[in-house]
C-alpha atoms as a PDB file:
ATOM      1  CA  MET A   1     -27.017  29.017  -6.083  1.00  0.00           C
ATOM      2  CA  PRO A   2     -25.242  26.102  -4.384  1.00  0.00           C
ATOM      3  CA  GLU A   3     -22.378  24.843  -6.508  1.00  0.00           C
ATOM      4  CA  LEU A   4     -20.412  21.600  -6.409  1.00  0.00           C
ATOM      5  CA  PRO A   5     -18.767  22.054  -2.971  1.00  0.00           C
ATOM      6  CA  GLU A   6     -22.060  22.888  -1.275  1.00  0.00           C
ATOM      7  CA  VAL A   7     -23.887  19.928  -2.847  1.00  0.00           C
ATOM      8  CA  GLU A   8     -21.011  17.599  -2.000  1.00  0.00           C
ATOM      9  CA  VAL A   9     -21.118  18.765   1.635  1.00  0.00           C
ATOM     10  CA  VAL A  10     -24.819  17.848   1.707  1.00  0.00           C
ATOM     11  CA  ARG A  11     -24.153  14.445   0.112  1.00  0.00           C
ATOM     12  CA  LEU A  12     -21.477  13.617   2.665  1.00  0.00           C
ATOM     13  CA  GLY A  13     -23.674  14.882   5.474  1.00  0.00           C
ATOM     14  CA  ILE A  14     -26.617  12.586   4.783  1.00  0.00           C
ATOM     15  CA  ALA A  15     -24.695   9.515   3.557  1.00  0.00           C
ATOM     16  CA  ARG A  16     -24.438   7.607   6.830  1.00  0.00           C
ATOM     17  CA  ALA A  17     -28.052   8.249   7.839  1.00  0.00           C
ATOM     18  CA  VAL A  18     -29.708   7.336   4.526  1.00  0.00           C
ATOM     19  CA  THR A  19     -27.547   4.549   3.074  1.00  0.00           C
ATOM     20  CA  GLY A  20     -29.483   1.317   3.522  1.00  0.00           C
ATOM     21  CA  ALA A  21     -32.316   3.133   5.318  1.00  0.00           C
ATOM     22  CA  THR A  22     -35.981   2.530   4.524  1.00  0.00           C
ATOM     23  CA  VAL A  23     -38.382   5.395   3.828  1.00  0.00           C
ATOM     24  CA  THR A  24     -41.161   5.150   6.415  1.00  0.00           C
ATOM     25  CA  THR A  25     -43.298   8.250   5.910  1.00  0.00           C
ATOM     26  CA  ILE A  26     -43.421  11.211   3.524  1.00  0.00           C
ATOM     27  CA  GLU A  27     -45.356  14.440   3.640  1.00  0.00           C
ATOM     28  CA  VAL A  28     -45.489  16.977   0.813  1.00  0.00           C
ATOM     29  CA  PHE A  29     -46.331  20.459   2.054  1.00  0.00           C
ATOM     30  CA  GLU A  30     -45.577  22.312  -1.194  1.00  0.00           C
ATOM     31  CA  PRO A  31     -46.535  20.643  -4.522  1.00  0.00           C
ATOM     32  CA  ARG A  32     -44.407  23.177  -6.416  1.00  0.00           C
ATOM     33  CA  SER A  33     -41.324  21.461  -4.971  1.00  0.00           C
ATOM     34  CA  LEU A  34     -42.299  18.453  -7.115  1.00  0.00           C
ATOM     35  CA  ARG A  35     -42.483  20.412 -10.369  1.00  0.00           C
ATOM     36  CA  ARG A  36     -39.909  18.087 -11.971  1.00  0.00           C
ATOM     37  CA  HIS A  37     -41.671  14.924 -10.820  1.00  0.00           C
ATOM     38  CA  PRO A  38     -43.640  13.506 -13.784  1.00  0.00           C
ATOM     39  CA  ALA A  39     -46.804  12.741 -11.772  1.00  0.00           C
ATOM     40  CA  PRO A  40     -48.942  14.152  -8.915  1.00  0.00           C
ATOM     41  CA  PRO A  41     -47.665  14.296  -5.322  1.00  0.00           C
ATOM     42  CA  GLU A  42     -49.669  11.170  -4.475  1.00  0.00           C
ATOM     43  CA  ASP A  43     -47.548   9.206  -6.956  1.00  0.00           C
ATOM     44  CA  PHE A  44     -44.340  10.571  -5.420  1.00  0.00           C
ATOM     45  CA  VAL A  45     -45.443   9.488  -1.950  1.00  0.00           C
ATOM     46  CA  ALA A  46     -46.614   6.049  -3.065  1.00  0.00           C
ATOM     47  CA  ARG A  47     -43.451   5.220  -5.013  1.00  0.00           C
ATOM     48  CA  LEU A  48     -41.077   6.427  -2.322  1.00  0.00           C
ATOM     49  CA  THR A  49     -42.781   4.924   0.732  1.00  0.00           C
ATOM     50  CA  GLY A  50     -41.039   1.688   1.688  1.00  0.00           C
ATOM     51  CA  ALA A  51     -38.130   2.253  -0.701  1.00  0.00           C
ATOM     52  CA  VAL A  52     -34.575   1.589   0.452  1.00  0.00           C
ATOM     53  CA  PHE A  53     -31.954   4.248  -0.219  1.00  0.00           C
ATOM     54  CA  ALA A  54     -28.571   3.249  -1.605  1.00  0.00           C
ATOM     55  CA  ALA A  55     -25.563   5.523  -1.005  1.00  0.00           C
ATOM     56  CA  PRO A  56     -26.242   9.070  -2.266  1.00  0.00           C
ATOM     57  CA  GLU A  57     -24.426  10.143  -5.425  1.00  0.00           C
ATOM     58  CA  ARG A  58     -23.683  13.435  -7.137  1.00  0.00           C
ATOM     59  CA  ARG A  59     -22.729  14.871 -10.480  1.00  0.00           C
ATOM     60  CA  GLY A  60     -21.957  18.572 -10.590  1.00  0.00           C
ATOM     61  CA  LYS A  61     -24.751  20.352  -8.717  1.00  0.00           C
ATOM     62  CA  PHE A  62     -27.173  17.406  -8.891  1.00  0.00           C
ATOM     63  CA  LEU A  63     -27.668  14.999  -6.004  1.00  0.00           C
ATOM     64  CA  TRP A  64     -29.559  11.715  -6.123  1.00  0.00           C
ATOM     65  CA  LEU A  65     -30.355   8.785  -3.866  1.00  0.00           C
ATOM     66  CA  PRO A  66     -30.715   5.482  -5.766  1.00  0.00           C
ATOM     67  CA  LEU A  67     -33.704   3.409  -4.686  1.00  0.00           C
ATOM     68  CA  GLY A  68     -32.738  -0.187  -3.972  1.00  0.00           C
ATOM     69  CA  PRO A  69     -35.267  -3.022  -4.172  1.00  0.00           C
ATOM     70  CA  PRO A  70     -36.116  -4.834  -0.916  1.00  0.00           C
ATOM     71  CA  VAL A  71     -34.382  -8.062  -1.998  1.00  0.00           C
ATOM     72  CA  LEU A  72     -31.050  -6.244  -2.304  1.00  0.00           C
ATOM     73  CA  HIS A  73     -31.612  -4.620   1.083  1.00  0.00           C
ATOM     74  CA  GLU A  74     -32.462  -7.965   2.678  1.00  0.00           C
ATOM     75  CA  MET A  75     -29.352  -9.618   1.242  1.00  0.00           C
ATOM     76  CA  GLN A  76     -27.203  -6.801   2.577  1.00  0.00           C
ATOM     77  CA  GLU A  77     -28.796  -7.169   6.002  1.00  0.00           C
ATOM     78  CA  ARG A  78     -27.971 -10.877   5.915  1.00  0.00           C
ATOM     79  CA  ALA A  79     -24.386 -10.003   4.985  1.00  0.00           C
ATOM     80  CA  ASP A  80     -24.180  -7.568   7.901  1.00  0.00           C
ATOM     81  CA  ALA A  81     -25.566 -10.216  10.262  1.00  0.00           C
ATOM     82  CA  VAL A  82     -22.953 -12.726   9.122  1.00  0.00           C
ATOM     83  CA  ARG A  83     -20.187 -10.201   9.693  1.00  0.00           C
ATOM     84  CA  GLU A  84     -21.433  -9.298  13.177  1.00  0.00           C
ATOM     85  CA  THR A  85     -21.758 -12.913  14.343  1.00  0.00           C
ATOM     86  CA  SER A  86     -18.628 -14.310  12.759  1.00  0.00           C
ATOM     87  CA  GLY A  87     -16.330 -11.317  12.738  1.00  0.00           C
ATOM     88  CA  LYS A  88     -15.528 -12.016   9.105  1.00  0.00           C
ATOM     89  CA  THR A  89     -16.393 -10.164   5.913  1.00  0.00           C
ATOM     90  CA  PRO A  90     -19.148 -12.171   4.181  1.00  0.00           C
ATOM     91  CA  SER A  91     -17.521 -11.932   0.787  1.00  0.00           C
ATOM     92  CA  ALA A  92     -19.026 -15.259  -0.275  1.00  0.00           C
ATOM     93  CA  LEU A  93     -22.437 -13.645  -0.077  1.00  0.00           C
ATOM     94  CA  THR A  94     -21.775 -10.125  -1.356  1.00  0.00           C
ATOM     95  CA  GLU A  95     -19.560 -11.320  -4.196  1.00  0.00           C
ATOM     96  CA  SER A  96     -21.890 -14.131  -5.261  1.00  0.00           C
ATOM     97  CA  PRO A  97     -23.371 -14.076  -8.790  1.00  0.00           C
ATOM     98  CA  ALA A  98     -26.874 -13.883  -7.317  1.00  0.00           C
ATOM     99  CA  PHE A  99     -26.056 -10.777  -5.264  1.00  0.00           C
ATOM    100  CA  ARG A 100     -24.281  -9.113  -8.170  1.00  0.00           C
ATOM    101  CA  SER A 101     -27.105  -9.899 -10.599  1.00  0.00           C
ATOM    102  CA  VAL A 102     -29.643  -8.301  -8.262  1.00  0.00           C
ATOM    103  CA  GLU A 103     -27.386  -5.277  -7.863  1.00  0.00           C
ATOM    104  CA  ALA A 104     -26.867  -4.998 -11.631  1.00  0.00           C
ATOM    105  CA  SER A 105     -30.600  -5.336 -12.239  1.00  0.00           C
ATOM    106  CA  HIS A 106     -31.280  -2.535  -9.790  1.00  0.00           C
ATOM    107  CA  ARG A 107     -28.695  -0.277 -11.345  1.00  0.00           C
ATOM    108  CA  THR A 108     -29.878  -0.666 -14.914  1.00  0.00           C
ATOM    109  CA  THR A 109     -33.621  -0.645 -14.323  1.00  0.00           C
ATOM    110  CA  GLY A 110     -33.946   1.163 -10.998  1.00  0.00           C
ATOM    111  CA  GLU A 111     -34.975   4.634  -9.955  1.00  0.00           C
ATOM    112  CA  ALA A 112     -33.541   7.426  -7.874  1.00  0.00           C
ATOM    113  CA  LEU A 113     -34.742  10.354  -5.809  1.00  0.00           C
ATOM    114  CA  VAL A 114     -33.202  13.375  -7.542  1.00  0.00           C
ATOM    115  CA  VAL A 115     -32.617  16.488  -5.428  1.00  0.00           C
ATOM    116  CA  HIS A 116     -31.894  19.879  -6.942  1.00  0.00           C
ATOM    117  CA  LEU A 117     -31.264  22.654  -4.432  1.00  0.00           C
ATOM    118  CA  GLY A 118     -32.016  25.530  -6.817  1.00  0.00           C
ATOM    119  CA  MET A 119     -31.250  28.947  -5.341  1.00  0.00           C
ATOM    120  CA  SER A 120     -32.123  28.342  -1.707  1.00  0.00           C
ATOM    121  CA  GLY A 121     -32.871  24.645  -1.203  1.00  0.00           C
ATOM    122  CA  GLN A 122     -31.580  22.905   1.924  1.00  0.00           C
ATOM    123  CA  VAL A 123     -31.589  19.252   2.979  1.00  0.00           C
ATOM    124  CA  LEU A 124     -31.550  19.228   6.781  1.00  0.00           C
ATOM    125  CA  LEU A 125     -30.872  16.026   8.707  1.00  0.00           C
ATOM    126  CA  ARG A 126     -32.975  16.040  11.864  1.00  0.00           C
ATOM    127  CA  GLY A 127     -34.242  13.836  14.643  1.00  0.00           C
ATOM    128  CA  PRO A 128     -37.522  11.949  14.135  1.00  0.00           C
ATOM    129  CA  ALA A 129     -39.816  14.728  15.402  1.00  0.00           C
ATOM    130  CA  VAL A 130     -38.021  17.931  14.362  1.00  0.00           C
ATOM    131  CA  GLN A 131     -39.767  20.249  11.903  1.00  0.00           C
ATOM    132  CA  ASP A 132     -38.116  23.285  10.280  1.00  0.00           C
ATOM    133  CA  ALA A 133     -39.764  26.451   9.045  1.00  0.00           C
ATOM    134  CA  ARG A 134     -40.383  26.456   5.290  1.00  0.00           C
ATOM    135  CA  THR A 135     -40.143  22.671   5.059  1.00  0.00           C
ATOM    136  CA  ARG A 136     -41.584  21.785   1.657  1.00  0.00           C
ATOM    137  CA  ILE A 137     -41.119  17.995   1.776  1.00  0.00           C
ATOM    138  CA  ARG A 138     -40.498  15.773   4.792  1.00  0.00           C
ATOM    139  CA  ILE A 139     -39.022  12.274   4.466  1.00  0.00           C
ATOM    140  CA  ASP A 140     -38.654  10.004   7.501  1.00  0.00           C
ATOM    141  CA  VAL A 141     -36.209   7.093   7.274  1.00  0.00           C
ATOM    142  CA  ALA A 142     -35.158   4.233   9.522  1.00  0.00           C
ATOM    143  CA  GLY A 143     -31.989   2.195   9.168  1.00  0.00           C
ATOM    144  CA  ALA A 144     -28.932   0.823  10.884  1.00  0.00           C
ATOM    145  CA  ALA A 145     -27.830   4.355  11.807  1.00  0.00           C
ATOM    146  CA  GLY A 146     -31.170   5.056  13.510  1.00  0.00           C
ATOM    147  CA  GLU A 147     -34.290   7.037  12.702  1.00  0.00           C
ATOM    148  CA  TYR A 148     -33.893  10.364  10.963  1.00  0.00           C
ATOM    149  CA  ARG A 149     -35.939  13.004   9.223  1.00  0.00           C
ATOM    150  CA  LEU A 150     -34.885  14.714   6.004  1.00  0.00           C
ATOM    151  CA  ASN A 151     -36.486  18.146   5.794  1.00  0.00           C
ATOM    152  CA  PHE A 152     -36.322  19.696   2.336  1.00  0.00           C
ATOM    153  CA  VAL A 153     -36.405  23.398   3.156  1.00  0.00           C
ATOM    154  CA  ASP A 154     -36.642  25.931   0.346  1.00  0.00           C
ATOM    155  CA  GLN A 155     -37.394  29.587   0.953  1.00  0.00           C
ATOM    156  CA  ARG A 156     -37.800  30.628  -2.689  1.00  0.00           C
ATOM    157  CA  ILE A 157     -39.158  27.279  -3.962  1.00  0.00           C
ATOM    158  CA  PHE A 158     -36.726  27.109  -6.898  1.00  0.00           C
ATOM    159  CA  GLY A 159     -35.396  23.718  -5.822  1.00  0.00           C
ATOM    160  CA  SER A 160     -37.102  20.392  -6.360  1.00  0.00           C
ATOM    161  CA  MET A 161     -37.331  16.676  -5.715  1.00  0.00           C
ATOM    162  CA  ALA A 162     -38.368  14.045  -8.256  1.00  0.00           C
ATOM    163  CA  ILE A 163     -38.235  10.304  -8.812  1.00  0.00           C
ATOM    164  CA  ASP A 164     -36.432   9.529 -12.049  1.00  0.00           C
ATOM    165  CA  ASP A 165     -35.242   6.456 -13.932  1.00  0.00           C
ATOM    166  CA  LEU A 166     -31.577   5.527 -13.770  1.00  0.00           C
ATOM    167  CA  GLN A 167     -29.791   4.925 -17.038  1.00  0.00           C
ATOM    168  CA  ALA A 168     -26.335   3.648 -17.864  1.00  0.00           C
ATOM    169  CA  THR A 169     -23.638   6.200 -18.596  1.00  0.00           C
ATOM    170  CA  GLY A 170     -22.104   5.920 -22.036  1.00  0.00           C
ATOM    171  CA  ASP A 171     -18.419   6.160 -21.142  1.00  0.00           C
ATOM    172  CA  VAL A 172     -17.587   3.988 -18.124  1.00  0.00           C
ATOM    173  CA  PRO A 173     -19.755   1.672 -15.979  1.00  0.00           C
ATOM    174  CA  GLY A 174     -22.122   3.791 -13.965  1.00  0.00           C
ATOM    175  CA  TRP A 175     -25.709   5.001 -13.737  1.00  0.00           C
ATOM    176  CA  VAL A 176     -27.254   8.454 -13.599  1.00  0.00           C
ATOM    177  CA  PRO A 177     -30.836   9.732 -13.569  1.00  0.00           C
ATOM    178  CA  SER A 178     -32.110  10.438 -17.070  1.00  0.00           C
ATOM    179  CA  SER A 179     -32.626  14.099 -16.134  1.00  0.00           C
ATOM    180  CA  VAL A 180     -28.907  14.363 -15.309  1.00  0.00           C
ATOM    181  CA  SER A 181     -27.560  12.378 -18.264  1.00  0.00           C
ATOM    182  CA  HIS A 182     -26.784  15.512 -20.313  1.00  0.00           C
ATOM    183  CA  ILE A 183     -24.641  16.951 -17.505  1.00  0.00           C
ATOM    184  CA  ALA A 184     -20.886  16.543 -17.983  1.00  0.00           C
ATOM    185  CA  ARG A 185     -18.705  14.931 -15.346  1.00  0.00           C
ATOM    186  CA  ASP A 186     -17.202  17.323 -12.823  1.00  0.00           C
ATOM    187  CA  PRO A 187     -13.449  17.756 -12.280  1.00  0.00           C
ATOM    188  CA  LEU A 188     -13.539  15.871  -8.962  1.00  0.00           C
ATOM    189  CA  ASP A 189     -15.014  12.807 -10.690  1.00  0.00           C
ATOM    190  CA  ALA A 190     -12.476   9.970 -10.934  1.00  0.00           C
ATOM    191  CA  HIS A 191     -13.572   9.422 -14.549  1.00  0.00           C
ATOM    192  CA  PHE A 192     -13.304  13.059 -15.632  1.00  0.00           C
ATOM    193  CA  ASP A 193     -11.373  13.145 -18.909  1.00  0.00           C
ATOM    194  CA  ASP A 194      -8.865  16.024 -18.768  1.00  0.00           C
ATOM    195  CA  ARG A 195      -7.763  15.535 -22.353  1.00  0.00           C
ATOM    196  CA  LEU A 196     -11.314  15.612 -23.712  1.00  0.00           C
ATOM    197  CA  PHE A 197     -12.174  18.692 -21.672  1.00  0.00           C
ATOM    198  CA  LEU A 198      -9.090  20.595 -22.822  1.00  0.00           C
ATOM    199  CA  SER A 199      -9.795  19.671 -26.433  1.00  0.00           C
ATOM    200  CA  ARG A 200     -13.389  20.852 -26.215  1.00  0.00           C
ATOM    201  CA  LEU A 201     -12.388  24.014 -24.356  1.00  0.00           C
ATOM    202  CA  ALA A 202      -9.916  24.891 -27.129  1.00  0.00           C
ATOM    203  CA  SER A 203     -12.758  24.809 -29.653  1.00  0.00           C
ATOM    204  CA  LYS A 204     -14.911  27.283 -27.727  1.00  0.00           C
ATOM    205  CA  ARG A 205     -15.066  30.805 -29.135  1.00  0.00           C
ATOM    206  CA  THR A 206     -16.856  32.142 -26.072  1.00  0.00           C
ATOM    207  CA  GLY A 207     -15.168  33.731 -23.092  1.00  0.00           C
ATOM    208  CA  VAL A 208     -13.527  31.238 -20.762  1.00  0.00           C
ATOM    209  CA  LYS A 209     -15.912  31.963 -17.884  1.00  0.00           C
ATOM    210  CA  ARG A 210     -18.928  31.275 -20.050  1.00  0.00           C
ATOM    211  CA  ALA A 211     -17.316  27.988 -21.066  1.00  0.00           C
ATOM    212  CA  LEU A 212     -16.717  27.030 -17.434  1.00  0.00           C
ATOM    213  CA  LEU A 213     -20.388  27.643 -16.630  1.00  0.00           C
ATOM    214  CA  ASP A 214     -21.483  25.349 -19.476  1.00  0.00           C
ATOM    215  CA  GLN A 215     -22.645  22.286 -17.537  1.00  0.00           C
ATOM    216  CA  THR A 216     -22.458  20.131 -20.664  1.00  0.00           C
ATOM    217  CA  LEU A 217     -18.725  20.856 -20.892  1.00  0.00           C
ATOM    218  CA  ILE A 218     -17.761  20.649 -17.217  1.00  0.00           C
ATOM    219  CA  SER A 219     -20.193  20.524 -14.331  1.00  0.00           C
ATOM    220  CA  GLY A 220     -20.365  21.928 -10.834  1.00  0.00           C
ATOM    221  CA  ILE A 221     -18.892  25.376 -11.515  1.00  0.00           C
ATOM    222  CA  GLY A 222     -21.000  28.457 -10.864  1.00  0.00           C
ATOM    223  CA  ASN A 223     -20.337  32.156 -10.654  1.00  0.00           C
ATOM    224  CA  ILE A 224     -18.442  32.092  -7.354  1.00  0.00           C
ATOM    225  CA  TYR A 225     -15.963  29.351  -8.137  1.00  0.00           C
ATOM    226  CA  ALA A 226     -15.453  30.461 -11.743  1.00  0.00           C
ATOM    227  CA  ASP A 227     -14.311  33.892 -10.520  1.00  0.00           C
ATOM    228  CA  GLU A 228     -12.075  32.319  -7.878  1.00  0.00           C
ATOM    229  CA  ALA A 229     -10.461  29.815 -10.264  1.00  0.00           C
ATOM    230  CA  LEU A 230      -9.834  32.431 -12.958  1.00  0.00           C
ATOM    231  CA  TRP A 231      -8.267  34.754 -10.377  1.00  0.00           C
ATOM    232  CA  MET A 232      -6.002  31.928  -9.248  1.00  0.00           C
ATOM    233  CA  ALA A 233      -5.030  31.109 -12.867  1.00  0.00           C
ATOM    234  CA  ARG A 234      -4.574  34.836 -13.738  1.00  0.00           C
ATOM    235  CA  VAL A 235      -7.057  34.669 -16.622  1.00  0.00           C
ATOM    236  CA  HIS A 236      -9.588  37.359 -17.567  1.00  0.00           C
ATOM    237  CA  TYR A 237     -13.166  36.069 -17.461  1.00  0.00           C
ATOM    238  CA  ASP A 238     -13.860  37.225 -21.037  1.00  0.00           C
ATOM    239  CA  GLN A 239     -10.670  35.817 -22.567  1.00  0.00           C
ATOM    240  CA  PRO A 240     -11.803  33.680 -25.540  1.00  0.00           C
ATOM    241  CA  ALA A 241     -11.331  30.066 -24.520  1.00  0.00           C
ATOM    242  CA  SER A 242      -9.879  29.192 -27.916  1.00  0.00           C
ATOM    243  CA  THR A 243      -7.002  31.668 -27.371  1.00  0.00           C
ATOM    244  CA  LEU A 244      -5.738  29.988 -24.195  1.00  0.00           C
ATOM    245  CA  SER A 245      -2.492  28.117 -24.534  1.00  0.00           C
ATOM    246  CA  ARG A 246      -2.554  24.460 -23.543  1.00  0.00           C
ATOM    247  CA  GLN A 247      -0.509  25.330 -20.492  1.00  0.00           C
ATOM    248  CA  LYS A 248      -2.863  28.110 -19.427  1.00  0.00           C
ATOM    249  CA  ALA A 249      -5.925  25.926 -19.999  1.00  0.00           C
ATOM    250  CA  ARG A 250      -4.390  23.280 -17.759  1.00  0.00           C
ATOM    251  CA  ALA A 251      -3.741  25.978 -15.157  1.00  0.00           C
ATOM    252  CA  VAL A 252      -7.426  26.942 -15.226  1.00  0.00           C
ATOM    253  CA  LEU A 253      -8.503  23.327 -14.702  1.00  0.00           C
ATOM    254  CA  ALA A 254      -5.983  22.892 -11.877  1.00  0.00           C
ATOM    255  CA  ALA A 255      -7.259  26.093 -10.277  1.00  0.00           C
ATOM    256  CA  VAL A 256     -10.855  24.846 -10.408  1.00  0.00           C
ATOM    257  CA  ARG A 257      -9.837  21.665  -8.602  1.00  0.00           C
ATOM    258  CA  GLU A 258      -7.812  23.557  -6.003  1.00  0.00           C
ATOM    259  CA  VAL A 259     -10.628  25.998  -5.283  1.00  0.00           C
ATOM    260  CA  PHE A 260     -13.138  23.143  -4.975  1.00  0.00           C
ATOM    261  CA  ALA A 261     -10.836  21.267  -2.604  1.00  0.00           C
ATOM    262  CA  LYS A 262     -10.397  24.302  -0.355  1.00  0.00           C
ATOM    263  CA  ALA A 263     -14.135  25.041  -0.357  1.00  0.00           C
ATOM    264  CA  LEU A 264     -14.938  21.450   0.630  1.00  0.00           C
ATOM    265  CA  ILE A 265     -12.558  21.628   3.583  1.00  0.00           C
ATOM    266  CA  GLU A 266     -14.274  24.806   4.743  1.00  0.00           C
ATOM    267  CA  GLY A 267     -17.826  23.516   4.240  1.00  0.00           C
ATOM    268  CA  GLY A 268     -18.742  25.557   1.176  1.00  0.00           C
ATOM    269  CA  THR A 269     -19.620  29.219   0.760  1.00  0.00           C
ATOM    270  CA  SER A 270     -22.393  30.907   2.768  1.00  0.00           C
ATOM    271  CA  PHE A 271     -23.242  34.575   2.292  1.00  0.00           C
ATOM    272  CA  ASP A 272     -26.592  34.265   4.096  1.00  0.00           C
ATOM    273  CA  THR A 273     -28.859  31.604   5.566  1.00  0.00           C
ATOM    274  CA  GLN A 274     -29.900  30.290   2.145  1.00  0.00           C
ATOM    275  CA  TYR A 275     -27.065  27.759   2.100  1.00  0.00           C
ATOM    276  CA  VAL A 276     -26.335  25.664   5.172  1.00  0.00           C
ATOM    277  CA  ASN A 277     -25.113  22.104   5.635  1.00  0.00           C
ATOM    278  CA  VAL A 278     -27.348  19.242   6.786  1.00  0.00           C
ATOM    279  CA  ASN A 279     -26.971  20.364  10.414  1.00  0.00           C
ATOM    280  CA  GLY A 280     -28.057  23.910   9.588  1.00  0.00           C
ATOM    281  CA  GLU A 281     -24.533  25.317   9.861  1.00  0.00           C
ATOM    282  CA  SER A 282     -22.991  27.806   7.448  1.00  0.00           C
ATOM    283  CA  GLY A 283     -19.838  27.107   5.475  1.00  0.00           C
ATOM    284  CA  TYR A 284     -16.979  29.539   5.955  1.00  0.00           C
ATOM    285  CA  PHE A 285     -15.204  29.551   2.584  1.00  0.00           C
ATOM    286  CA  ALA A 286     -16.561  33.103   2.100  1.00  0.00           C
ATOM    287  CA  HIS A 287     -13.702  34.238   4.343  1.00  0.00           C
ATOM    288  CA  SER A 288     -11.190  32.735   1.886  1.00  0.00           C
ATOM    289  CA  LEU A 289     -12.502  34.381  -1.289  1.00  0.00           C
ATOM    290  CA  ASN A 290      -9.913  36.348  -3.254  1.00  0.00           C
ATOM    291  CA  ALA A 291     -12.075  37.797  -6.046  1.00  0.00           C
ATOM    292  CA  TYR A 292     -15.796  37.052  -5.810  1.00  0.00           C
ATOM    293  CA  GLY A 293     -17.572  39.699  -3.776  1.00  0.00           C
ATOM    294  CA  GLN A 294     -14.276  41.482  -3.048  1.00  0.00           C
ATOM    295  CA  HIS A 295     -14.765  44.500  -5.362  1.00  0.00           C
ATOM    296  CA  GLY A 296     -13.006  47.601  -4.075  1.00  0.00           C
ATOM    297  CA  LYS A 297     -10.702  45.559  -1.866  1.00  0.00           C
ATOM    298  CA  PRO A 298      -7.004  45.143  -2.743  1.00  0.00           C
ATOM    299  CA  CYS A 299      -6.059  42.082  -4.748  1.00  0.00           C
ATOM    300  CA  PRO A 300      -4.300  39.691  -2.321  1.00  0.00           C
ATOM    301  CA  ARG A 301      -1.600  39.178  -4.962  1.00  0.00           C
ATOM    302  CA  CYS A 302      -0.735  42.666  -6.237  1.00  0.00           C
ATOM    303  CA  GLY A 303      -2.792  45.153  -4.215  1.00  0.00           C
ATOM    304  CA  THR A 304      -4.791  46.509  -7.177  1.00  0.00           C
ATOM    305  CA  PRO A 305      -8.479  47.002  -6.273  1.00  0.00           C
ATOM    306  CA  ILE A 306     -10.702  44.121  -7.394  1.00  0.00           C
ATOM    307  CA  VAL A 307     -13.216  45.173 -10.059  1.00  0.00           C
ATOM    308  CA  ARG A 308     -16.813  44.053 -10.483  1.00  0.00           C
ATOM    309  CA  GLU A 309     -18.396  44.132 -13.947  1.00  0.00           C
ATOM    310  CA  SER A 310     -21.913  43.271 -15.062  1.00  0.00           C
ATOM    311  CA  TRP A 311     -21.882  40.088 -17.126  1.00  0.00           C
ATOM    312  CA  MET A 312     -24.719  37.895 -18.464  1.00  0.00           C
ATOM    313  CA  ASN A 313     -27.242  38.955 -15.782  1.00  0.00           C
ATOM    314  CA  ARG A 314     -24.543  38.271 -13.205  1.00  0.00           C
ATOM    315  CA  ASN A 315     -21.390  39.990 -12.023  1.00  0.00           C
ATOM    316  CA  SER A 316     -17.770  39.056 -12.659  1.00  0.00           C
ATOM    317  CA  HIS A 317     -15.018  39.915 -10.201  1.00  0.00           C
ATOM    318  CA  PHE A 318     -11.378  40.120 -11.231  1.00  0.00           C
ATOM    319  CA  CYS A 319      -8.085  41.925 -10.783  1.00  0.00           C
ATOM    320  CA  PRO A 320      -7.493  44.279 -13.744  1.00  0.00           C
ATOM    321  CA  ARG A 321      -3.733  43.966 -13.328  1.00  0.00           C
ATOM    322  CA  CYS A 322      -3.316  40.208 -12.732  1.00  0.00           C
ATOM    323  CA  GLN A 323      -6.096  39.201 -15.134  1.00  0.00           C
ATOM    324  CA  ARG A 324      -5.631  41.317 -18.224  1.00  0.00           C
ATOM    325  CA  LEU A 325      -7.598  40.574 -21.366  1.00  0.00           C
ATOM    326  CA  ARG A 326      -4.933  39.338 -23.799  1.00  0.00           C
ATOM    327  CA  SER A 327      -4.947  39.703 -27.561  1.00  0.00           C
ATOM    328  CA  PRO A 328      -5.077  36.396 -29.477  1.00  0.00           C
END
């Protein structure tokens, strides 16, 4: 399943093409890809046609494209026109109370197109007439960057698209879809609270890997990156979270961030064609994995063979020498 780095690669890949672009046509080929949309496909098409996308956003593994009202789009176009003709930033327009009130109204009462990739979902950015095999939903957009087609491709049909209401976050100014509101901030979020996370982690009696996969505690981490971060921090996956010292807990969090950063640079992790970026290209972080999928191979740190154990309908990979299960 795509985790934070893969979803972030998709977000970055579509940002220029969709930001400020207008949805021109939509075609739904597979109604099951709208299972999370609260109405029939006809409603999805009607509500999205003519909408203007704001810059795509992400929390953890969830991606969404806020839908801006036409008046906001028109004001932005006027601002762009002023800049192009005068060579100056039209701050008087974009910073005006009227512009800000429209923007605030959109953010508190608006909607968003929520995209969940599931196990094999892909968002492919194509030219206006390009169709991909297994395209479940097609969205054509036109904007300053040109005309593009977003093909939502999903081999196993576990992913989905849905239009959802935006609601204010409870901690700092911001808005998230209501279906994502229960998801915790991810460690790459500028507003992620390290102190709160470490406090909550210390109260967990479960194994540390299970805690890392709890999306209400910290989001974006899946099986691959949990194994990699725990290998980097030298922590056994089943070590009770409450037994970690403050220093070791901080090391785990730092390792998560470092692994995410490396994966983003390398375009995410692709083991097959089920995850590709918006251009259909595979990420190559799989070549940098130290633990996940490396069972039987020597640990890059000490040479001990990496072990794979069955765990919660998944597998955990670790070095039995570097990542010993410690007594409380």
